[in-house]
N, C-alpha and C. Protein backbone atom coordinates (compact mmCIF):
# COMPACT_ATOMS: atom_id res chain seq x y z
N UNK A 1 -19.67 2.67 11.12
CA UNK A 1 -18.30 2.47 10.69
C UNK A 1 -18.12 1.00 10.31
N UNK A 2 -17.69 0.70 9.09
CA UNK A 2 -17.53 -0.69 8.68
C UNK A 2 -16.38 -1.35 9.43
N UNK A 3 -16.48 -2.65 9.61
CA UNK A 3 -15.40 -3.40 10.23
C UNK A 3 -14.25 -3.56 9.27
N UNK A 4 -13.04 -3.61 9.79
CA UNK A 4 -11.89 -3.89 8.93
C UNK A 4 -12.02 -5.33 8.43
N UNK A 5 -11.25 -5.65 7.40
CA UNK A 5 -11.34 -6.98 6.82
C UNK A 5 -11.05 -8.06 7.85
N UNK A 6 -10.03 -7.88 8.64
CA UNK A 6 -9.67 -8.86 9.66
C UNK A 6 -10.74 -9.01 10.72
N UNK A 7 -11.26 -7.88 11.21
CA UNK A 7 -12.31 -7.95 12.22
C UNK A 7 -13.57 -8.55 11.65
N UNK A 8 -13.91 -8.19 10.39
CA UNK A 8 -15.09 -8.76 9.77
C UNK A 8 -14.96 -10.26 9.65
N UNK A 9 -13.82 -10.72 9.15
CA UNK A 9 -13.64 -12.17 8.96
C UNK A 9 -13.77 -12.90 10.29
N UNK A 10 -13.17 -12.36 11.34
CA UNK A 10 -13.26 -12.99 12.65
C UNK A 10 -14.70 -12.97 13.16
N UNK A 11 -15.39 -11.86 12.96
CA UNK A 11 -16.77 -11.74 13.43
C UNK A 11 -17.69 -12.70 12.69
N UNK A 12 -17.61 -12.74 11.38
CA UNK A 12 -18.50 -13.61 10.61
C UNK A 12 -18.19 -15.07 10.89
N UNK A 13 -16.89 -15.39 11.06
CA UNK A 13 -16.51 -16.76 11.39
C UNK A 13 -17.08 -17.19 12.74
N UNK A 14 -17.01 -16.27 13.72
CA UNK A 14 -17.58 -16.56 15.03
C UNK A 14 -19.08 -16.76 14.94
N UNK A 15 -19.75 -15.87 14.22
CA UNK A 15 -21.20 -15.98 14.07
C UNK A 15 -21.58 -17.28 13.36
N UNK A 16 -20.85 -17.61 12.33
CA UNK A 16 -21.15 -18.83 11.60
C UNK A 16 -20.92 -20.07 12.45
N UNK A 17 -19.80 -20.09 13.16
CA UNK A 17 -19.49 -21.27 13.97
C UNK A 17 -20.42 -21.41 15.17
N UNK A 18 -20.92 -20.32 15.68
CA UNK A 18 -21.84 -20.38 16.81
C UNK A 18 -23.29 -20.52 16.34
N UNK A 19 -23.51 -20.35 15.03
CA UNK A 19 -24.88 -20.45 14.53
C UNK A 19 -25.73 -19.26 14.94
N UNK A 20 -25.11 -18.09 15.09
CA UNK A 20 -25.83 -16.92 15.62
C UNK A 20 -26.46 -16.06 14.53
N UNK A 21 -26.05 -16.24 13.29
CA UNK A 21 -26.62 -15.43 12.23
C UNK A 21 -27.98 -16.02 11.90
N UNK A 22 -29.00 -15.47 12.49
CA UNK A 22 -30.35 -15.96 12.27
C UNK A 22 -31.28 -14.78 12.10
N UNK A 23 -32.32 -15.00 11.33
CA UNK A 23 -33.33 -13.98 11.18
C UNK A 23 -34.27 -14.14 12.36
N UNK A 24 -34.33 -13.16 13.22
CA UNK A 24 -35.14 -13.30 14.42
C UNK A 24 -36.63 -13.21 14.11
N UNK A 25 -37.41 -13.82 14.97
CA UNK A 25 -38.86 -13.80 14.84
C UNK A 25 -39.38 -12.36 14.85
N UNK A 26 -38.86 -11.54 15.78
CA UNK A 26 -39.34 -10.17 15.88
C UNK A 26 -38.97 -9.33 14.64
N UNK A 27 -37.77 -9.57 14.10
CA UNK A 27 -37.41 -8.79 12.92
C UNK A 27 -38.29 -9.16 11.74
N UNK A 28 -38.79 -10.41 11.70
CA UNK A 28 -39.72 -10.79 10.64
C UNK A 28 -41.06 -10.10 10.82
N UNK A 29 -41.49 -9.92 12.06
CA UNK A 29 -42.77 -9.28 12.33
C UNK A 29 -42.67 -7.77 12.16
N UNK A 30 -41.67 -7.18 12.75
CA UNK A 30 -41.56 -5.72 12.78
C UNK A 30 -40.68 -5.16 11.68
N UNK A 31 -39.98 -5.98 10.96
CA UNK A 31 -39.10 -5.49 9.92
C UNK A 31 -37.82 -4.95 10.52
N UNK A 32 -36.82 -4.81 9.71
CA UNK A 32 -35.52 -4.36 10.21
C UNK A 32 -35.49 -2.86 10.49
N UNK A 33 -36.40 -2.11 9.91
CA UNK A 33 -36.34 -0.66 10.08
C UNK A 33 -37.39 -0.15 11.05
N UNK A 34 -37.98 -1.02 11.85
CA UNK A 34 -38.95 -0.56 12.84
C UNK A 34 -40.27 -1.26 12.67
N UNK A 35 -41.27 -0.78 13.39
CA UNK A 35 -42.58 -1.43 13.40
C UNK A 35 -43.14 -1.56 11.99
N UNK A 36 -43.26 -2.80 11.56
CA UNK A 36 -43.77 -3.14 10.23
C UNK A 36 -43.05 -2.41 9.11
N UNK A 37 -41.75 -2.16 9.33
CA UNK A 37 -40.96 -1.51 8.29
C UNK A 37 -40.83 -2.40 7.08
N UNK A 38 -40.62 -1.81 5.94
CA UNK A 38 -40.59 -2.61 4.72
C UNK A 38 -39.23 -2.52 4.02
N UNK A 39 -38.27 -1.83 4.60
CA UNK A 39 -36.97 -1.70 3.96
C UNK A 39 -36.27 -3.05 3.93
N UNK A 40 -35.83 -3.44 2.76
CA UNK A 40 -35.10 -4.69 2.61
C UNK A 40 -33.64 -4.34 2.34
N UNK A 41 -32.81 -4.44 3.39
CA UNK A 41 -31.41 -4.09 3.23
C UNK A 41 -30.61 -5.20 2.55
N UNK A 42 -31.29 -6.23 2.10
CA UNK A 42 -30.63 -7.31 1.38
C UNK A 42 -31.01 -7.32 -0.11
N UNK A 43 -31.84 -6.39 -0.51
CA UNK A 43 -32.34 -6.39 -1.89
C UNK A 43 -31.20 -6.34 -2.92
N UNK A 44 -30.14 -5.60 -2.60
CA UNK A 44 -29.06 -5.45 -3.57
C UNK A 44 -28.24 -6.74 -3.77
N UNK A 45 -28.32 -7.69 -2.82
CA UNK A 45 -27.59 -8.95 -2.99
C UNK A 45 -28.52 -10.13 -3.29
N UNK A 46 -29.81 -9.87 -3.30
CA UNK A 46 -30.76 -10.97 -3.56
C UNK A 46 -30.49 -11.61 -4.94
N UNK A 47 -30.24 -10.83 -6.03
CA UNK A 47 -29.92 -11.48 -7.31
C UNK A 47 -28.66 -12.35 -7.22
N UNK A 48 -27.69 -11.93 -6.42
CA UNK A 48 -26.47 -12.74 -6.24
C UNK A 48 -26.82 -14.06 -5.56
N UNK A 49 -27.65 -14.01 -4.51
CA UNK A 49 -28.07 -15.23 -3.84
C UNK A 49 -28.80 -16.16 -4.81
N UNK A 50 -29.72 -15.60 -5.59
CA UNK A 50 -30.44 -16.43 -6.56
C UNK A 50 -29.49 -17.05 -7.59
N UNK A 51 -28.44 -16.31 -7.94
CA UNK A 51 -27.46 -16.81 -8.90
C UNK A 51 -26.65 -17.96 -8.29
N UNK A 52 -26.26 -17.82 -7.03
CA UNK A 52 -25.54 -18.90 -6.34
C UNK A 52 -26.38 -20.18 -6.36
N UNK A 53 -27.65 -20.05 -6.02
CA UNK A 53 -28.56 -21.20 -6.01
C UNK A 53 -28.72 -21.77 -7.41
N UNK A 54 -28.87 -20.89 -8.41
CA UNK A 54 -29.03 -21.37 -9.79
C UNK A 54 -27.79 -22.14 -10.26
N UNK A 55 -26.62 -21.65 -9.92
CA UNK A 55 -25.40 -22.36 -10.30
C UNK A 55 -25.37 -23.73 -9.63
N UNK A 56 -25.72 -23.77 -8.33
CA UNK A 56 -25.71 -25.04 -7.60
C UNK A 56 -26.72 -26.04 -8.15
N UNK A 57 -27.74 -25.55 -8.82
CA UNK A 57 -28.76 -26.45 -9.39
C UNK A 57 -28.41 -26.92 -10.80
N UNK A 58 -27.35 -26.41 -11.38
CA UNK A 58 -26.98 -26.82 -12.73
C UNK A 58 -26.67 -28.32 -12.75
N UNK A 59 -27.21 -29.02 -13.75
CA UNK A 59 -27.03 -30.48 -13.80
C UNK A 59 -25.58 -30.95 -13.83
N UNK A 60 -24.67 -30.13 -14.31
CA UNK A 60 -23.28 -30.55 -14.43
C UNK A 60 -22.66 -30.94 -13.09
N UNK A 61 -23.06 -30.27 -12.01
CA UNK A 61 -22.50 -30.60 -10.70
C UNK A 61 -22.82 -32.05 -10.32
N UNK A 62 -23.96 -32.51 -10.75
CA UNK A 62 -24.44 -33.84 -10.39
C UNK A 62 -24.02 -34.87 -11.44
N UNK A 63 -24.20 -34.54 -12.72
CA UNK A 63 -23.90 -35.48 -13.80
C UNK A 63 -22.41 -35.60 -14.07
N UNK A 64 -21.70 -34.47 -14.06
CA UNK A 64 -20.28 -34.47 -14.45
C UNK A 64 -19.33 -34.59 -13.28
N UNK A 65 -19.70 -34.05 -12.12
CA UNK A 65 -18.74 -33.97 -11.01
C UNK A 65 -19.12 -34.85 -9.82
N UNK A 66 -20.21 -35.57 -9.92
CA UNK A 66 -20.51 -36.59 -8.94
C UNK A 66 -21.16 -36.15 -7.64
N UNK A 67 -21.66 -34.91 -7.58
CA UNK A 67 -22.41 -34.50 -6.39
C UNK A 67 -23.70 -35.32 -6.38
N UNK A 68 -24.03 -35.86 -5.22
CA UNK A 68 -25.25 -36.69 -5.11
C UNK A 68 -26.48 -35.80 -5.30
N UNK A 69 -27.39 -36.24 -6.16
CA UNK A 69 -28.62 -35.48 -6.40
C UNK A 69 -29.64 -35.84 -5.33
N UNK A 70 -29.34 -35.40 -4.12
CA UNK A 70 -30.18 -35.61 -2.95
C UNK A 70 -30.31 -34.27 -2.24
N UNK A 71 -31.15 -34.21 -1.22
CA UNK A 71 -31.27 -32.97 -0.45
C UNK A 71 -29.91 -32.60 0.13
N UNK A 72 -29.21 -33.57 0.71
CA UNK A 72 -27.89 -33.30 1.27
C UNK A 72 -26.89 -32.88 0.21
N UNK A 73 -26.88 -33.54 -0.92
CA UNK A 73 -25.97 -33.19 -2.00
C UNK A 73 -26.23 -31.79 -2.54
N UNK A 74 -27.51 -31.44 -2.70
CA UNK A 74 -27.84 -30.11 -3.19
C UNK A 74 -27.42 -29.03 -2.18
N UNK A 75 -27.64 -29.30 -0.88
CA UNK A 75 -27.17 -28.39 0.15
C UNK A 75 -25.66 -28.22 0.08
N UNK A 76 -24.95 -29.34 -0.12
CA UNK A 76 -23.49 -29.29 -0.21
C UNK A 76 -23.04 -28.47 -1.42
N UNK A 77 -23.74 -28.60 -2.54
CA UNK A 77 -23.38 -27.81 -3.73
C UNK A 77 -23.60 -26.33 -3.46
N UNK A 78 -24.70 -25.99 -2.81
CA UNK A 78 -24.96 -24.58 -2.48
C UNK A 78 -23.88 -24.05 -1.55
N UNK A 79 -23.55 -24.79 -0.49
CA UNK A 79 -22.56 -24.27 0.46
C UNK A 79 -21.17 -24.21 -0.15
N UNK A 80 -20.85 -25.11 -1.07
CA UNK A 80 -19.55 -25.03 -1.75
C UNK A 80 -19.46 -23.76 -2.57
N UNK A 81 -20.46 -23.50 -3.38
CA UNK A 81 -20.44 -22.31 -4.23
C UNK A 81 -20.55 -21.03 -3.41
N UNK A 82 -21.43 -21.04 -2.42
CA UNK A 82 -21.55 -19.88 -1.54
C UNK A 82 -20.24 -19.60 -0.83
N UNK A 83 -19.56 -20.63 -0.36
CA UNK A 83 -18.27 -20.45 0.30
C UNK A 83 -17.26 -19.79 -0.62
N UNK A 84 -17.20 -20.24 -1.87
CA UNK A 84 -16.26 -19.63 -2.82
C UNK A 84 -16.57 -18.17 -3.04
N UNK A 85 -17.85 -17.85 -3.16
CA UNK A 85 -18.27 -16.45 -3.35
C UNK A 85 -17.93 -15.62 -2.11
N UNK A 86 -18.26 -16.13 -0.93
CA UNK A 86 -17.98 -15.39 0.31
C UNK A 86 -16.49 -15.19 0.52
N UNK A 87 -15.68 -16.19 0.17
CA UNK A 87 -14.24 -16.05 0.32
C UNK A 87 -13.70 -14.96 -0.60
N UNK A 88 -14.25 -14.89 -1.80
CA UNK A 88 -13.84 -13.80 -2.71
C UNK A 88 -14.29 -12.45 -2.14
N UNK A 89 -15.49 -12.39 -1.62
CA UNK A 89 -16.04 -11.14 -1.11
C UNK A 89 -15.27 -10.63 0.11
N UNK A 90 -14.78 -11.53 0.94
CA UNK A 90 -14.10 -11.10 2.17
C UNK A 90 -12.77 -10.41 1.88
N UNK A 91 -12.26 -10.55 0.69
CA UNK A 91 -10.97 -9.92 0.35
C UNK A 91 -11.10 -8.50 -0.18
N UNK A 92 -12.32 -8.00 -0.25
CA UNK A 92 -12.52 -6.64 -0.75
C UNK A 92 -13.42 -5.86 0.19
N UNK A 93 -12.90 -4.75 0.68
CA UNK A 93 -13.59 -3.96 1.71
C UNK A 93 -15.02 -3.61 1.30
N UNK A 94 -15.24 -3.25 0.04
CA UNK A 94 -16.58 -2.84 -0.38
C UNK A 94 -17.57 -4.01 -0.44
N UNK A 95 -17.07 -5.23 -0.36
CA UNK A 95 -17.94 -6.41 -0.42
C UNK A 95 -18.21 -7.04 0.94
N UNK A 96 -17.65 -6.47 1.99
CA UNK A 96 -17.82 -7.05 3.32
C UNK A 96 -19.28 -6.97 3.76
N UNK A 97 -19.87 -5.79 3.70
CA UNK A 97 -21.27 -5.64 4.11
C UNK A 97 -22.19 -6.48 3.22
N UNK A 98 -22.03 -6.46 1.90
CA UNK A 98 -22.88 -7.32 1.08
C UNK A 98 -22.70 -8.81 1.38
N UNK A 99 -21.51 -9.22 1.80
CA UNK A 99 -21.32 -10.64 2.13
C UNK A 99 -22.10 -11.04 3.37
N UNK A 100 -22.21 -10.11 4.32
CA UNK A 100 -23.04 -10.38 5.50
C UNK A 100 -24.50 -10.52 5.08
N UNK A 101 -24.96 -9.64 4.21
CA UNK A 101 -26.35 -9.71 3.72
C UNK A 101 -26.58 -11.00 2.94
N UNK A 102 -25.58 -11.42 2.17
CA UNK A 102 -25.69 -12.67 1.43
C UNK A 102 -25.83 -13.85 2.39
N UNK A 103 -25.08 -13.84 3.46
CA UNK A 103 -25.18 -14.88 4.49
C UNK A 103 -26.57 -14.87 5.13
N UNK A 104 -27.12 -13.68 5.35
CA UNK A 104 -28.48 -13.58 5.90
C UNK A 104 -29.50 -14.19 4.95
N UNK A 105 -29.30 -14.01 3.66
CA UNK A 105 -30.22 -14.60 2.68
C UNK A 105 -30.12 -16.13 2.70
N UNK A 106 -28.92 -16.64 2.88
CA UNK A 106 -28.73 -18.08 3.04
C UNK A 106 -29.56 -18.57 4.23
N UNK A 107 -29.45 -17.86 5.36
CA UNK A 107 -30.20 -18.24 6.56
C UNK A 107 -31.70 -18.17 6.30
N UNK A 108 -32.13 -17.08 5.68
CA UNK A 108 -33.56 -16.92 5.39
C UNK A 108 -34.08 -18.06 4.51
N UNK A 109 -33.31 -18.39 3.50
CA UNK A 109 -33.72 -19.46 2.58
C UNK A 109 -33.76 -20.80 3.28
N UNK A 110 -32.73 -21.11 4.08
CA UNK A 110 -32.69 -22.38 4.80
C UNK A 110 -33.82 -22.45 5.82
N UNK A 111 -34.12 -21.33 6.49
CA UNK A 111 -35.22 -21.26 7.43
C UNK A 111 -36.53 -21.62 6.72
N UNK A 112 -36.74 -21.02 5.56
CA UNK A 112 -37.95 -21.30 4.77
C UNK A 112 -38.03 -22.75 4.34
N UNK A 113 -36.89 -23.31 3.91
CA UNK A 113 -36.87 -24.71 3.48
C UNK A 113 -37.21 -25.65 4.64
N UNK A 114 -36.64 -25.36 5.82
CA UNK A 114 -36.91 -26.20 6.99
C UNK A 114 -38.39 -26.14 7.35
N UNK A 115 -38.95 -24.94 7.37
CA UNK A 115 -40.36 -24.79 7.72
C UNK A 115 -41.26 -25.48 6.69
N UNK A 116 -40.88 -25.37 5.42
CA UNK A 116 -41.65 -26.03 4.36
C UNK A 116 -41.62 -27.55 4.52
N UNK A 117 -40.55 -28.06 5.09
CA UNK A 117 -40.42 -29.50 5.31
C UNK A 117 -40.96 -29.93 6.68
N UNK A 118 -41.69 -29.03 7.34
CA UNK A 118 -42.40 -29.41 8.56
C UNK A 118 -41.66 -29.19 9.86
N UNK A 119 -40.50 -28.54 9.83
CA UNK A 119 -39.78 -28.24 11.06
C UNK A 119 -40.45 -27.04 11.71
N UNK A 120 -40.83 -27.18 12.97
CA UNK A 120 -41.58 -26.13 13.66
C UNK A 120 -40.72 -25.08 14.31
N UNK A 121 -41.38 -24.01 14.77
CA UNK A 121 -40.71 -22.86 15.39
C UNK A 121 -39.79 -23.25 16.54
N UNK A 122 -40.19 -24.24 17.31
CA UNK A 122 -39.43 -24.58 18.50
C UNK A 122 -38.06 -25.16 18.23
N UNK A 123 -37.89 -25.81 17.09
CA UNK A 123 -36.59 -26.44 16.80
C UNK A 123 -35.90 -25.90 15.55
N UNK A 124 -36.56 -25.02 14.82
CA UNK A 124 -35.94 -24.52 13.59
C UNK A 124 -34.64 -23.79 13.89
N UNK A 125 -34.56 -23.09 15.02
CA UNK A 125 -33.34 -22.39 15.38
C UNK A 125 -32.16 -23.31 15.55
N UNK A 126 -32.38 -24.48 16.17
CA UNK A 126 -31.31 -25.46 16.33
C UNK A 126 -30.82 -25.94 14.97
N UNK A 127 -31.76 -26.22 14.08
CA UNK A 127 -31.39 -26.68 12.75
C UNK A 127 -30.60 -25.60 12.01
N UNK A 128 -31.04 -24.36 12.10
CA UNK A 128 -30.32 -23.26 11.45
C UNK A 128 -28.92 -23.15 12.04
N UNK A 129 -28.82 -23.27 13.36
CA UNK A 129 -27.52 -23.22 14.01
C UNK A 129 -26.57 -24.28 13.47
N UNK A 130 -27.08 -25.49 13.28
CA UNK A 130 -26.25 -26.56 12.72
C UNK A 130 -25.83 -26.26 11.29
N UNK A 131 -26.79 -25.75 10.49
CA UNK A 131 -26.47 -25.42 9.10
C UNK A 131 -25.44 -24.32 9.01
N UNK A 132 -25.54 -23.33 9.91
CA UNK A 132 -24.56 -22.25 9.94
C UNK A 132 -23.20 -22.76 10.36
N UNK A 133 -23.17 -23.70 11.30
CA UNK A 133 -21.93 -24.31 11.73
C UNK A 133 -21.28 -25.05 10.57
N UNK A 134 -22.09 -25.74 9.78
CA UNK A 134 -21.58 -26.45 8.62
C UNK A 134 -20.97 -25.46 7.62
N UNK A 135 -21.70 -24.38 7.35
CA UNK A 135 -21.19 -23.37 6.41
C UNK A 135 -19.90 -22.77 6.94
N UNK A 136 -19.85 -22.44 8.23
CA UNK A 136 -18.64 -21.87 8.82
C UNK A 136 -17.46 -22.82 8.73
N UNK A 137 -17.70 -24.09 8.99
CA UNK A 137 -16.64 -25.09 8.88
C UNK A 137 -16.12 -25.22 7.47
N UNK A 138 -17.03 -25.19 6.52
CA UNK A 138 -16.62 -25.31 5.12
C UNK A 138 -15.86 -24.07 4.65
N UNK A 139 -16.31 -22.91 5.10
CA UNK A 139 -15.59 -21.69 4.77
C UNK A 139 -14.14 -21.79 5.24
N UNK A 140 -13.96 -22.19 6.47
CA UNK A 140 -12.60 -22.30 7.02
C UNK A 140 -11.77 -23.34 6.28
N UNK A 141 -12.34 -24.49 6.00
CA UNK A 141 -11.61 -25.56 5.31
C UNK A 141 -11.24 -25.15 3.89
N UNK A 142 -12.17 -24.53 3.19
CA UNK A 142 -11.89 -24.11 1.81
C UNK A 142 -10.90 -22.95 1.79
N UNK A 143 -11.03 -22.02 2.74
CA UNK A 143 -10.08 -20.91 2.84
C UNK A 143 -8.66 -21.44 3.01
N UNK A 144 -8.51 -22.45 3.82
CA UNK A 144 -7.19 -23.03 4.06
C UNK A 144 -6.69 -23.83 2.86
N UNK A 145 -7.59 -24.54 2.18
CA UNK A 145 -7.18 -25.43 1.10
C UNK A 145 -6.89 -24.72 -0.22
N UNK A 146 -7.61 -23.65 -0.53
CA UNK A 146 -7.46 -23.01 -1.85
C UNK A 146 -6.02 -22.64 -2.18
N UNK A 147 -5.28 -21.98 -1.26
CA UNK A 147 -3.90 -21.63 -1.61
C UNK A 147 -2.97 -22.84 -1.74
N UNK A 148 -3.36 -23.97 -1.16
CA UNK A 148 -2.52 -25.16 -1.20
C UNK A 148 -2.68 -25.96 -2.48
N UNK A 149 -3.71 -25.66 -3.26
CA UNK A 149 -3.89 -26.34 -4.54
C UNK A 149 -5.03 -27.34 -4.55
N UNK A 150 -5.19 -27.97 -5.70
CA UNK A 150 -6.34 -28.82 -5.94
C UNK A 150 -6.33 -30.11 -5.10
N UNK A 151 -5.15 -30.63 -4.77
CA UNK A 151 -5.12 -31.84 -3.95
C UNK A 151 -5.70 -31.58 -2.57
N UNK A 152 -5.33 -30.46 -1.97
CA UNK A 152 -5.88 -30.10 -0.65
C UNK A 152 -7.38 -29.82 -0.77
N UNK A 153 -7.78 -29.18 -1.85
CA UNK A 153 -9.20 -28.89 -2.05
C UNK A 153 -9.98 -30.19 -2.27
N UNK A 154 -9.38 -31.16 -2.95
CA UNK A 154 -10.05 -32.45 -3.17
C UNK A 154 -10.29 -33.15 -1.84
N UNK A 155 -9.37 -33.01 -0.91
CA UNK A 155 -9.58 -33.61 0.42
C UNK A 155 -10.74 -32.96 1.13
N UNK A 156 -10.84 -31.63 1.01
CA UNK A 156 -11.97 -30.90 1.61
C UNK A 156 -13.28 -31.35 0.98
N UNK A 157 -13.28 -31.46 -0.33
CA UNK A 157 -14.48 -31.91 -1.05
C UNK A 157 -14.88 -33.31 -0.60
N UNK A 158 -13.90 -34.20 -0.49
CA UNK A 158 -14.20 -35.58 -0.09
C UNK A 158 -14.84 -35.64 1.30
N UNK A 159 -14.41 -34.74 2.19
CA UNK A 159 -14.94 -34.72 3.56
C UNK A 159 -16.26 -34.00 3.68
N UNK A 160 -16.54 -33.03 2.79
CA UNK A 160 -17.65 -32.12 3.00
C UNK A 160 -18.75 -32.13 1.96
N UNK A 161 -18.62 -32.91 0.91
CA UNK A 161 -19.64 -32.92 -0.14
C UNK A 161 -20.13 -34.36 -0.30
N UNK A 162 -21.43 -34.52 -0.31
CA UNK A 162 -22.03 -35.84 -0.53
C UNK A 162 -21.88 -36.18 -2.01
N UNK A 163 -21.06 -37.19 -2.28
CA UNK A 163 -20.79 -37.61 -3.66
C UNK A 163 -21.44 -38.95 -3.94
N UNK A 164 -21.64 -39.22 -5.22
CA UNK A 164 -22.16 -40.52 -5.63
C UNK A 164 -21.04 -41.55 -5.49
N UNK A 165 -21.43 -42.82 -5.42
CA UNK A 165 -20.42 -43.89 -5.34
C UNK A 165 -19.50 -43.82 -6.54
N UNK A 166 -18.21 -43.87 -6.30
CA UNK A 166 -17.24 -43.87 -7.37
C UNK A 166 -16.88 -42.50 -7.91
N UNK A 167 -17.50 -41.44 -7.41
CA UNK A 167 -17.18 -40.09 -7.90
C UNK A 167 -15.78 -39.69 -7.44
N UNK A 168 -15.10 -38.98 -8.29
CA UNK A 168 -13.73 -38.53 -8.00
C UNK A 168 -13.78 -37.11 -7.44
N UNK A 169 -13.44 -36.93 -6.16
CA UNK A 169 -13.49 -35.59 -5.58
C UNK A 169 -12.54 -34.61 -6.26
N UNK A 170 -11.50 -35.13 -6.93
CA UNK A 170 -10.56 -34.26 -7.62
C UNK A 170 -11.23 -33.51 -8.77
N UNK A 171 -12.19 -34.16 -9.45
CA UNK A 171 -12.88 -33.48 -10.55
C UNK A 171 -13.71 -32.30 -10.02
N UNK A 172 -14.41 -32.53 -8.92
CA UNK A 172 -15.20 -31.44 -8.32
C UNK A 172 -14.27 -30.36 -7.78
N UNK A 173 -13.18 -30.75 -7.18
CA UNK A 173 -12.21 -29.76 -6.67
C UNK A 173 -11.65 -28.91 -7.79
N UNK A 174 -11.37 -29.53 -8.93
CA UNK A 174 -10.86 -28.78 -10.08
C UNK A 174 -11.89 -27.73 -10.54
N UNK A 175 -13.14 -28.15 -10.63
CA UNK A 175 -14.19 -27.20 -11.06
C UNK A 175 -14.38 -26.09 -10.04
N UNK A 176 -14.30 -26.43 -8.75
CA UNK A 176 -14.42 -25.41 -7.69
C UNK A 176 -13.26 -24.42 -7.78
N UNK A 177 -12.06 -24.92 -8.02
CA UNK A 177 -10.89 -24.05 -8.17
C UNK A 177 -11.05 -23.14 -9.39
N UNK A 178 -11.59 -23.69 -10.47
CA UNK A 178 -11.84 -22.87 -11.67
C UNK A 178 -12.83 -21.75 -11.35
N UNK A 179 -13.88 -22.06 -10.61
CA UNK A 179 -14.85 -21.03 -10.22
C UNK A 179 -14.19 -19.99 -9.35
N UNK A 180 -13.36 -20.42 -8.40
CA UNK A 180 -12.64 -19.47 -7.54
C UNK A 180 -11.75 -18.57 -8.37
N UNK A 181 -11.09 -19.11 -9.38
CA UNK A 181 -10.22 -18.31 -10.27
C UNK A 181 -11.05 -17.30 -11.05
N UNK A 182 -12.22 -17.73 -11.54
CA UNK A 182 -13.07 -16.80 -12.27
C UNK A 182 -13.54 -15.66 -11.36
N UNK A 183 -13.89 -15.99 -10.13
CA UNK A 183 -14.33 -14.97 -9.17
C UNK A 183 -13.21 -13.97 -8.89
N UNK A 184 -11.98 -14.44 -8.84
CA UNK A 184 -10.84 -13.55 -8.57
C UNK A 184 -10.68 -12.49 -9.66
N UNK A 185 -11.08 -12.79 -10.86
CA UNK A 185 -10.91 -11.87 -11.99
C UNK A 185 -12.00 -10.81 -12.06
N UNK A 186 -13.01 -10.92 -11.21
CA UNK A 186 -14.14 -10.00 -11.29
C UNK A 186 -13.99 -8.83 -10.35
N UNK A 187 -14.56 -7.70 -10.76
CA UNK A 187 -14.62 -6.53 -9.88
C UNK A 187 -15.73 -6.73 -8.86
N UNK A 188 -15.74 -5.87 -7.85
CA UNK A 188 -16.79 -5.91 -6.84
C UNK A 188 -18.17 -5.75 -7.47
N UNK A 189 -18.29 -4.82 -8.41
CA UNK A 189 -19.57 -4.59 -9.08
C UNK A 189 -20.03 -5.83 -9.87
N UNK A 190 -19.08 -6.49 -10.52
CA UNK A 190 -19.44 -7.68 -11.29
C UNK A 190 -19.91 -8.81 -10.38
N UNK A 191 -19.31 -8.91 -9.21
CA UNK A 191 -19.74 -9.96 -8.27
C UNK A 191 -21.14 -9.66 -7.77
N UNK A 192 -21.40 -8.43 -7.35
CA UNK A 192 -22.74 -8.07 -6.88
C UNK A 192 -23.77 -8.26 -7.98
N UNK A 193 -23.38 -7.99 -9.22
CA UNK A 193 -24.30 -8.17 -10.36
C UNK A 193 -24.39 -9.62 -10.80
N UNK A 194 -23.71 -10.52 -10.07
CA UNK A 194 -23.73 -11.95 -10.38
C UNK A 194 -23.23 -12.22 -11.79
N UNK A 195 -22.14 -11.56 -12.16
CA UNK A 195 -21.58 -11.68 -13.49
C UNK A 195 -20.58 -12.81 -13.61
N UNK A 196 -20.94 -13.99 -13.16
CA UNK A 196 -20.01 -15.13 -13.23
C UNK A 196 -20.81 -16.40 -13.49
N UNK A 197 -20.11 -17.41 -13.96
CA UNK A 197 -20.70 -18.74 -14.21
C UNK A 197 -19.85 -19.79 -13.56
């Protein structure tokens, strides 16, 4: 039985803030469907995750809107765009389960990035917990700021996105608001199909 929108939002917020949404070691070994199972229950949202990352890698975020072209800045761009997508998804019952899977893909990708950068098994969980806490905090801040307008969103951007010296957070906030508006116009199927720019 799927969770109601309110219960889902509270549950995902709790998981994000506690850093509990993690891909466990055993589920990687045994698969989600049992001993060495191969079912990928995230396959239907994997193109959406790749699209979020592709958008965050577009040069305009860095050249035009002042996001720092650093590891931290790129992470901030991904979490900003992912937050906007997740906030749109949480408003539609049919997108609740896919949004959880999308969050799992974020965790999986961050886990892989950490390991690739030499973070070992013993501490990778702590790092993932911190990254999930960051995502949860940004989700909450953006959720609160979006209805208040671009000035409130610019304050969130200034606090949560690594910008280059002299960059105007209002420009990035305007572009983020435009993306949020475009997402609002899409159907659930269009979002899952990554039909946005």
